[in-house]
């Protein structure tokens, strides 16, 4: 990967993953719904999985420099 696009992609993935992780944690802490119309037992793990995958992709992009 070229340096510019790799850094941009890493920044996007890392920011999205961190924001999703923080938002999901805040919603779960206040017992508010994470996703409208979805049971929390399903929505929280799926959101945490998506955040983890995004953080892993961001880290992977940074290691490709």
PDB file of N, CA and C in Angstrom:
ATOM      1  N   UNK A   1       0.833  -1.178   0.000  1.00  0.00           N
ATOM      2  CA  UNK A   1       0.000   0.000   0.000  1.00  0.00           C
ATOM      3  C   UNK A   1       0.877   1.240   0.000  1.00  0.00           C
ATOM      4  N   UNK A   2       0.421   2.260  -0.647  1.00  0.00           N
ATOM      5  CA  UNK A   2       1.144   3.523  -0.582  1.00  0.00           C
ATOM      6  C   UNK A   2       0.916   4.155   0.785  1.00  0.00           C
ATOM      7  N   UNK A   3       1.849   5.005   1.205  1.00  0.00           N
ATOM      8  CA  UNK A   3       1.787   5.564   2.550  1.00  0.00           C
ATOM      9  C   UNK A   3       0.554   6.429   2.803  1.00  0.00           C
ATOM     10  N   UNK A   4       0.227   7.305   1.886  1.00  0.00           N
ATOM     11  CA  UNK A   4      -0.900   8.229   2.088  1.00  0.00           C
ATOM     12  C   UNK A   4      -2.226   7.520   2.287  1.00  0.00           C
ATOM     13  N   UNK A   5      -2.625   6.666   1.337  1.00  0.00           N
ATOM     14  CA  UNK A   5      -3.893   5.954   1.511  1.00  0.00           C
ATOM     15  C   UNK A   5      -3.896   5.018   2.720  1.00  0.00           C
ATOM     16  N   UNK A   6      -2.749   4.420   3.042  1.00  0.00           N
ATOM     17  CA  UNK A   6      -2.697   3.509   4.191  1.00  0.00           C
ATOM     18  C   UNK A   6      -2.912   4.273   5.495  1.00  0.00           C
ATOM     19  N   UNK A   7      -2.320   5.434   5.616  1.00  0.00           N
ATOM     20  CA  UNK A   7      -2.486   6.235   6.830  1.00  0.00           C
ATOM     21  C   UNK A   7      -3.924   6.732   6.933  1.00  0.00           C
ATOM     22  N   UNK A   8      -4.489   7.167   5.823  1.00  0.00           N
ATOM     23  CA  UNK A   8      -5.873   7.639   5.830  1.00  0.00           C
ATOM     24  C   UNK A   8      -6.832   6.509   6.195  1.00  0.00           C
ATOM     25  N   UNK A   9      -6.666   5.343   5.582  1.00  0.00           N
ATOM     26  CA  UNK A   9      -7.534   4.207   5.888  1.00  0.00           C
ATOM     27  C   UNK A   9      -7.387   3.789   7.344  1.00  0.00           C
ATOM     28  N   UNK A  10      -6.160   3.770   7.848  1.00  0.00           N
ATOM     29  CA  UNK A  10      -5.933   3.404   9.247  1.00  0.00           C
ATOM     30  C   UNK A  10      -6.614   4.398  10.178  1.00  0.00           C
ATOM     31  N   UNK A  11      -6.498   5.679   9.870  1.00  0.00           N
ATOM     32  CA  UNK A  11      -7.122   6.697  10.714  1.00  0.00           C
ATOM     33  C   UNK A  11      -8.639   6.548  10.724  1.00  0.00           C
ATOM     34  N   UNK A  12      -9.217   6.277   9.569  1.00  0.00           N
ATOM     35  CA  UNK A  12     -10.673   6.112   9.488  1.00  0.00           C
ATOM     36  C   UNK A  12     -11.108   4.892  10.283  1.00  0.00           C
ATOM     37  N   UNK A  13     -10.447   3.767  10.081  1.00  0.00           N
ATOM     38  CA  UNK A  13     -10.809   2.549  10.813  1.00  0.00           C
ATOM     39  C   UNK A  13     -10.634   2.724  12.317  1.00  0.00           C
ATOM     40  N   UNK A  14      -9.521   3.315  12.744  1.00  0.00           N
ATOM     41  CA  UNK A  14      -9.260   3.475  14.163  1.00  0.00           C
ATOM     42  C   UNK A  14     -10.236   4.453  14.813  1.00  0.00           C
ATOM     43  N   UNK A  15     -10.529   5.554  14.153  1.00  0.00           N
ATOM     44  CA  UNK A  15     -11.481   6.512  14.709  1.00  0.00           C
ATOM     45  C   UNK A  15     -12.883   5.917  14.786  1.00  0.00           C
ATOM     46  N   UNK A  16     -13.294   5.221  13.741  1.00  0.00           N
ATOM     47  CA  UNK A  16     -14.621   4.601  13.751  1.00  0.00           C
ATOM     48  C   UNK A  16     -14.705   3.538  14.836  1.00  0.00           C
ATOM     49  N   UNK A  17     -13.698   2.688  14.942  1.00  0.00           N
ATOM     50  CA  UNK A  17     -13.710   1.630  15.945  1.00  0.00           C
ATOM     51  C   UNK A  17     -13.731   2.182  17.358  1.00  0.00           C
ATOM     52  N   UNK A  18     -12.912   3.204  17.616  1.00  0.00           N
ATOM     53  CA  UNK A  18     -12.880   3.798  18.950  1.00  0.00           C
ATOM     54  C   UNK A  18     -14.202   4.487  19.281  1.00  0.00           C
ATOM     55  N   UNK A  19     -14.761   5.202  18.324  1.00  0.00           N
ATOM     56  CA  UNK A  19     -16.033   5.887  18.559  1.00  0.00           C
ATOM     57  C   UNK A  19     -17.160   4.882  18.779  1.00  0.00           C
ATOM     58  N   UNK A  20     -17.196   3.822  17.996  1.00  0.00           N
ATOM     59  CA  UNK A  20     -18.236   2.803  18.163  1.00  0.00           C
ATOM     60  C   UNK A  20     -18.094   2.095  19.500  1.00  0.00           C
ATOM     61  N   UNK A  21     -16.873   1.822  19.899  1.00  0.00           N
ATOM     62  CA  UNK A  21     -16.627   1.180  21.187  1.00  0.00           C
ATOM     63  C   UNK A  21     -17.076   2.089  22.339  1.00  0.00           C
ATOM     64  N   UNK A  22     -16.733   3.364  22.277  1.00  0.00           N
ATOM     65  CA  UNK A  22     -17.127   4.308  23.324  1.00  0.00           C
ATOM     66  C   UNK A  22     -18.635   4.498  23.359  1.00  0.00           C
ATOM     67  N   UNK A  23     -19.244   4.632  22.194  1.00  0.00           N
ATOM     68  CA  UNK A  23     -20.695   4.846  22.124  1.00  0.00           C
ATOM     69  C   UNK A  23     -21.455   3.635  22.637  1.00  0.00           C
ATOM     70  N   UNK A  24     -21.019   2.446  22.243  1.00  0.00           N
ATOM     71  CA  UNK A  24     -21.674   1.224  22.700  1.00  0.00           C
ATOM     72  C   UNK A  24     -21.529   1.078  24.209  1.00  0.00           C
ATOM     73  N   UNK A  25     -20.347   1.362  24.723  1.00  0.00           N
ATOM     74  CA  UNK A  25     -20.138   1.278  26.165  1.00  0.00           C
ATOM     75  C   UNK A  25     -21.007   2.258  26.922  1.00  0.00           C
ATOM     76  N   UNK A  26     -21.108   3.475  26.427  1.00  0.00           N
ATOM     77  CA  UNK A  26     -21.932   4.485  27.093  1.00  0.00           C
ATOM     78  C   UNK A  26     -23.411   4.103  27.060  1.00  0.00           C
ATOM     79  N   UNK A  27     -23.870   3.605  25.925  1.00  0.00           N
ATOM     80  CA  UNK A  27     -25.281   3.204  25.815  1.00  0.00           C
ATOM     81  C   UNK A  27     -25.578   2.013  26.711  1.00  0.00           C
ATOM     82  N   UNK A  28     -24.670   1.042  26.752  1.00  0.00           N
ATOM     83  CA  UNK A  28     -24.876  -0.140  27.582  1.00  0.00           C
ATOM     84  C   UNK A  28     -24.819   0.228  29.069  1.00  0.00           C
ATOM     85  N   UNK A  29     -23.934   1.154  29.430  1.00  0.00           N
ATOM     86  CA  UNK A  29     -23.806   1.581  30.827  1.00  0.00           C
ATOM     87  C   UNK A  29     -25.093   2.233  31.326  1.00  0.00           C
ATOM     88  N   UNK A  30     -25.747   2.998  30.461  1.00  0.00           N
ATOM     89  CA  UNK A  30     -26.986   3.673  30.831  1.00  0.00           C
ATOM     90  C   UNK A  30     -28.221   2.825  30.542  1.00  0.00           C
ATOM     91  N   UNK A  31     -27.998   1.591  30.133  1.00  0.00           N
ATOM     92  CA  UNK A  31     -29.077   0.654  29.784  1.00  0.00           C
ATOM     93  C   UNK A  31     -30.009   1.227  28.726  1.00  0.00           C
ATOM     94  N   UNK A  32     -29.457   1.985  27.808  1.00  0.00           N
ATOM     95  CA  UNK A  32     -30.208   2.529  26.679  1.00  0.00           C
ATOM     96  C   UNK A  32     -30.035   1.572  25.494  1.00  0.00           C
ATOM     97  N   UNK A  33     -30.968   1.569  24.572  1.00  0.00           N
ATOM     98  CA  UNK A  33     -30.820   0.659  23.429  1.00  0.00           C
ATOM     99  C   UNK A  33     -29.630   1.038  22.550  1.00  0.00           C
ATOM    100  N   UNK A  34     -28.888   0.036  22.150  1.00  0.00           N
ATOM    101  CA  UNK A  34     -27.734   0.260  21.277  1.00  0.00           C
ATOM    102  C   UNK A  34     -28.200   0.388  19.839  1.00  0.00           C
ATOM    103  N   UNK A  35     -29.162  -0.446  19.452  1.00  0.00           N
ATOM    104  CA  UNK A  35     -29.761  -0.384  18.124  1.00  0.00           C
ATOM    105  C   UNK A  35     -31.276  -0.415  18.303  1.00  0.00           C
ATOM    106  N   UNK A  36     -31.963   0.446  17.619  1.00  0.00           N
ATOM    107  CA  UNK A  36     -33.402   0.563  17.763  1.00  0.00           C
ATOM    108  C   UNK A  36     -34.100  -0.713  17.294  1.00  0.00           C
ATOM    109  N   UNK A  37     -34.913  -1.276  18.161  1.00  0.00           N
ATOM    110  CA  UNK A  37     -35.698  -2.445  17.799  1.00  0.00           C
ATOM    111  C   UNK A  37     -34.954  -3.769  17.892  1.00  0.00           C
ATOM    112  N   UNK A  38     -33.744  -3.760  18.442  1.00  0.00           N
ATOM    113  CA  UNK A  38     -32.955  -4.978  18.560  1.00  0.00           C
ATOM    114  C   UNK A  38     -32.689  -5.237  20.039  1.00  0.00           C
ATOM    115  N   UNK A  39     -32.789  -6.503  20.448  1.00  0.00           N
ATOM    116  CA  UNK A  39     -32.534  -6.841  21.846  1.00  0.00           C
ATOM    117  C   UNK A  39     -31.088  -6.503  22.214  1.00  0.00           C
ATOM    118  N   UNK A  40     -30.846  -5.967  23.405  1.00  0.00           N
ATOM    119  CA  UNK A  40     -29.478  -5.634  23.826  1.00  0.00           C
ATOM    120  C   UNK A  40     -28.552  -6.853  23.843  1.00  0.00           C
ATOM    121  N   UNK A  41     -29.099  -8.035  24.101  1.00  0.00           N
ATOM    122  CA  UNK A  41     -28.275  -9.246  24.125  1.00  0.00           C
ATOM    123  C   UNK A  41     -27.688  -9.558  22.752  1.00  0.00           C
ATOM    124  N   UNK A  42     -28.284  -9.030  21.712  1.00  0.00           N
ATOM    125  CA  UNK A  42     -27.776  -9.219  20.353  1.00  0.00           C
ATOM    126  C   UNK A  42     -27.011  -7.991  19.879  1.00  0.00           C
ATOM    127  N   UNK A  43     -27.531  -6.805  20.172  1.00  0.00           N
ATOM    128  CA  UNK A  43     -26.948  -5.571  19.644  1.00  0.00           C
ATOM    129  C   UNK A  43     -25.577  -5.263  20.231  1.00  0.00           C
ATOM    130  N   UNK A  44     -25.395  -5.466  21.519  1.00  0.00           N
ATOM    131  CA  UNK A  44     -24.123  -5.121  22.158  1.00  0.00           C
ATOM    132  C   UNK A  44     -22.974  -5.985  21.631  1.00  0.00           C
ATOM    133  N   UNK A  45     -23.103  -7.310  21.594  1.00  0.00           N
ATOM    134  CA  UNK A  45     -21.990  -8.105  21.051  1.00  0.00           C
ATOM    135  C   UNK A  45     -21.687  -7.820  19.584  1.00  0.00           C
ATOM    136  N   UNK A  46     -22.706  -7.592  18.792  1.00  0.00           N
ATOM    137  CA  UNK A  46     -22.475  -7.294  17.367  1.00  0.00           C
ATOM    138  C   UNK A  46     -21.753  -5.961  17.218  1.00  0.00           C
ATOM    139  N   UNK A  47     -22.154  -4.955  17.989  1.00  0.00           N
ATOM    140  CA  UNK A  47     -21.485  -3.654  17.925  1.00  0.00           C
ATOM    141  C   UNK A  47     -20.045  -3.766  18.415  1.00  0.00           C
ATOM    142  N   UNK A  48     -19.820  -4.539  19.483  1.00  0.00           N
ATOM    143  CA  UNK A  48     -18.454  -4.725  19.975  1.00  0.00           C
ATOM    144  C   UNK A  48     -17.599  -5.487  18.980  1.00  0.00           C
ATOM    145  N   UNK A  49     -18.184  -6.460  18.297  1.00  0.00           N
ATOM    146  CA  UNK A  49     -17.459  -7.191  17.255  1.00  0.00           C
ATOM    147  C   UNK A  49     -17.088  -6.259  16.106  1.00  0.00           C
ATOM    148  N   UNK A  50     -18.021  -5.419  15.683  1.00  0.00           N
ATOM    149  CA  UNK A  50     -17.736  -4.473  14.606  1.00  0.00           C
ATOM    150  C   UNK A  50     -16.645  -3.487  15.017  1.00  0.00           C
ATOM    151  N   UNK A  51     -16.677  -3.028  16.261  1.00  0.00           N
ATOM    152  CA  UNK A  51     -15.643  -2.117  16.745  1.00  0.00           C
ATOM    153  C   UNK A  51     -14.289  -2.804  16.781  1.00  0.00           C
ATOM    154  N   UNK A  52     -14.261  -4.040  17.242  1.00  0.00           N
ATOM    155  CA  UNK A  52     -13.009  -4.790  17.289  1.00  0.00           C
ATOM    156  C   UNK A  52     -12.427  -5.054  15.913  1.00  0.00           C
ATOM    157  N   UNK A  53     -13.287  -5.400  14.970  1.00  0.00           N
ATOM    158  CA  UNK A  53     -12.818  -5.629  13.598  1.00  0.00           C
ATOM    159  C   UNK A  53     -12.272  -4.342  13.007  1.00  0.00           C
ATOM    160  N   UNK A  54     -12.949  -3.241  13.248  1.00  0.00           N
ATOM    161  CA  UNK A  54     -12.483  -1.956  12.738  1.00  0.00           C
ATOM    162  C   UNK A  54     -11.134  -1.569  13.335  1.00  0.00           C
ATOM    163  N   UNK A  55     -10.969  -1.770  14.639  1.00  0.00           N
ATOM    164  CA  UNK A  55      -9.683  -1.472  15.277  1.00  0.00           C
ATOM    165  C   UNK A  55      -8.585  -2.393  14.745  1.00  0.00           C
ATOM    166  N   UNK A  56      -8.911  -3.650  14.518  1.00  0.00           N
ATOM    167  CA  UNK A  56      -7.925  -4.586  13.981  1.00  0.00           C
ATOM    168  C   UNK A  56      -7.517  -4.198  12.550  1.00  0.00           C
ATOM    169  N   UNK A  57      -8.478  -3.780  11.740  1.00  0.00           N
ATOM    170  CA  UNK A  57      -8.165  -3.347  10.377  1.00  0.00           C
ATOM    171  C   UNK A  57      -7.302  -2.085  10.382  1.00  0.00           C
ATOM    172  N   UNK A  58      -7.594  -1.168  11.278  1.00  0.00           N
ATOM    173  CA  UNK A  58      -6.782   0.048  11.385  1.00  0.00           C
ATOM    174  C   UNK A  58      -5.362  -0.273  11.784  1.00  0.00           C
ATOM    175  N   UNK A  59      -5.207  -1.184  12.723  1.00  0.00           N
ATOM    176  CA  UNK A  59      -3.877  -1.601  13.136  1.00  0.00           C
ATOM    177  C   UNK A  59      -3.145  -2.311  12.004  1.00  0.00           C
ATOM    178  N   UNK A  60      -3.873  -3.151  11.275  1.00  0.00           N
ATOM    179  CA  UNK A  60      -3.276  -3.862  10.139  1.00  0.00           C
ATOM    180  C   UNK A  60      -2.789  -2.875   9.073  1.00  0.00           C
ATOM    181  N   UNK A  61      -3.598  -1.850   8.814  1.00  0.00           N
ATOM    182  CA  UNK A  61      -3.184  -0.844   7.823  1.00  0.00           C
ATOM    183  C   UNK A  61      -1.914  -0.137   8.248  1.00  0.00           C
ATOM    184  N   UNK A  62      -1.769   0.132   9.527  1.00  0.00           N
ATOM    185  CA  UNK A  62      -0.556   0.796  10.004  1.00  0.00           C
ATOM    186  C   UNK A  62       0.661  -0.111   9.922  1.00  0.00           C
ATOM    187  N   UNK A  63       0.468  -1.408  10.070  1.00  0.00           N
ATOM    188  CA  UNK A  63       1.610  -2.324   9.987  1.00  0.00           C
ATOM    189  C   UNK A  63       2.066  -2.521   8.543  1.00  0.00           C
ATOM    190  N   UNK A  64       1.255  -2.135   7.576  1.00  0.00           N
ATOM    191  CA  UNK A  64       1.604  -2.315   6.157  1.00  0.00           C
ATOM    192  C   UNK A  64       2.444  -1.170   5.616  1.00  0.00           C
ATOM    193  N   UNK A  65       2.780  -0.191   6.431  1.00  0.00           N
ATOM    194  CA  UNK A  65       3.564   0.969   5.966  1.00  0.00           C
ATOM    195  C   UNK A  65       5.001   0.584   5.713  1.00  0.00           C
TER     196      UNK A  65
END
